[in-house]
Protein backbone atom coordinates (compact mmCIF):
# COMPACT_ATOMS: atom_id res chain seq x y z
CA MET A 1 41.38 -18.80 -31.29
CA ASP A 2 41.79 -20.27 -34.77
CA SER A 3 38.87 -21.29 -36.93
CA THR A 4 38.57 -24.93 -37.96
CA ALA A 5 37.83 -23.86 -41.53
CA THR A 6 41.12 -23.22 -43.34
CA ASN A 7 39.88 -21.96 -46.72
CA ASP A 8 36.86 -20.28 -48.31
CA GLN A 9 35.28 -23.58 -49.43
CA GLU A 10 35.35 -24.96 -45.89
CA ARG A 11 33.93 -21.71 -44.55
CA ALA A 12 31.09 -21.91 -47.09
CA ASP A 13 30.26 -25.43 -45.93
CA LEU A 14 29.87 -24.37 -42.27
CA PRO A 15 26.27 -24.35 -41.00
CA GLU A 16 24.57 -20.98 -40.78
CA LEU A 17 23.15 -19.57 -37.60
CA ALA A 18 19.40 -19.10 -38.02
CA ILE A 19 17.75 -16.58 -35.71
CA LYS A 20 14.01 -17.00 -35.27
CA GLU A 21 11.46 -15.02 -33.33
CA GLY A 22 11.19 -16.38 -29.78
CA GLY A 23 7.42 -16.05 -29.43
CA GLY A 24 6.74 -18.55 -32.19
CA GLY A 25 7.77 -21.49 -30.03
CA LEU A 26 5.09 -20.82 -27.44
CA ASP A 27 2.48 -20.35 -30.12
CA ALA A 28 3.34 -23.72 -31.63
CA LEU A 29 3.12 -25.39 -28.23
CA ARG A 30 -0.20 -23.68 -27.55
CA ARG A 31 -1.63 -24.89 -30.85
CA ARG A 32 -0.37 -28.40 -30.25
CA TYR A 33 -1.54 -28.88 -26.67
CA SER A 34 -4.52 -26.56 -26.20
CA LYS A 35 -7.22 -29.05 -27.20
CA PRO A 36 -5.86 -31.94 -25.07
CA LEU A 37 -5.51 -29.57 -22.11
CA TYR A 38 -9.12 -28.40 -22.48
CA VAL A 39 -10.25 -32.03 -22.57
CA LEU A 40 -8.20 -32.75 -19.45
CA LEU A 41 -9.60 -29.66 -17.71
CA THR A 42 -13.15 -30.73 -18.55
CA LEU A 43 -12.58 -34.25 -17.24
CA VAL A 44 -11.06 -32.96 -14.00
CA GLY A 45 -14.03 -30.62 -13.52
CA LEU A 46 -16.46 -33.47 -14.14
CA ILE A 47 -14.66 -35.73 -11.67
CA LEU A 48 -14.67 -32.95 -9.06
CA ALA A 49 -18.40 -32.39 -9.58
CA ILE A 50 -19.08 -36.12 -9.15
CA ALA A 51 -16.91 -36.23 -6.02
CA CYS A 52 -18.72 -33.24 -4.51
CA ALA A 53 -22.09 -34.81 -5.30
CA ASN A 54 -21.00 -38.05 -3.64
CA ILE A 55 -19.81 -36.25 -0.51
CA ALA A 56 -23.05 -34.28 -0.34
CA ASN A 57 -25.02 -37.49 -0.80
CA PHE A 58 -23.14 -39.17 2.04
CA CYS A 59 -23.63 -36.20 4.36
CA TRP A 60 -27.26 -35.45 3.49
CA PRO A 61 -28.91 -38.14 5.67
CA VAL A 62 -26.67 -37.26 8.63
CA LEU A 63 -27.03 -33.48 8.61
CA PRO A 64 -30.79 -33.14 9.32
CA ARG A 65 -30.64 -35.57 12.25
CA ASP A 66 -27.62 -33.89 13.79
CA SER A 67 -28.98 -30.39 13.27
CA ALA A 68 -32.36 -31.37 14.76
CA LYS A 69 -30.61 -32.90 17.76
CA TRP A 70 -28.50 -29.77 18.15
CA HIS A 71 -31.51 -27.47 17.88
CA SER A 72 -33.55 -29.42 20.41
CA GLY A 73 -30.75 -29.49 22.97
CA SER A 74 -29.63 -25.89 22.59
CA ALA A 75 -31.22 -23.26 24.81
CA TRP A 76 -30.28 -20.55 22.31
CA ALA A 77 -31.96 -22.44 19.47
CA GLN A 78 -35.11 -22.99 21.57
CA ALA A 79 -35.27 -19.29 22.38
CA VAL A 80 -34.91 -18.34 18.72
CA LEU A 81 -37.48 -20.90 17.61
CA ALA A 82 -39.94 -19.84 20.32
CA SER A 83 -39.93 -16.17 19.28
């Protein structure tokens, strides 16, 4: 295959191939996006905590009634409570 550069001047004007270390790209991405990702992680954790608290709050009034009803109607529970 023939080169497109026909003389030394044209060969000198060709762009050079620059070889860089591959790990530097990940480091640059890490530096650029680490703080926003930590903020996002914190917000997601906060939203999950609020959601869990809401679910627990919705279930809290129901659980004692249901468990008391279950304990009073269960022969096993009455035997355990009687001993």
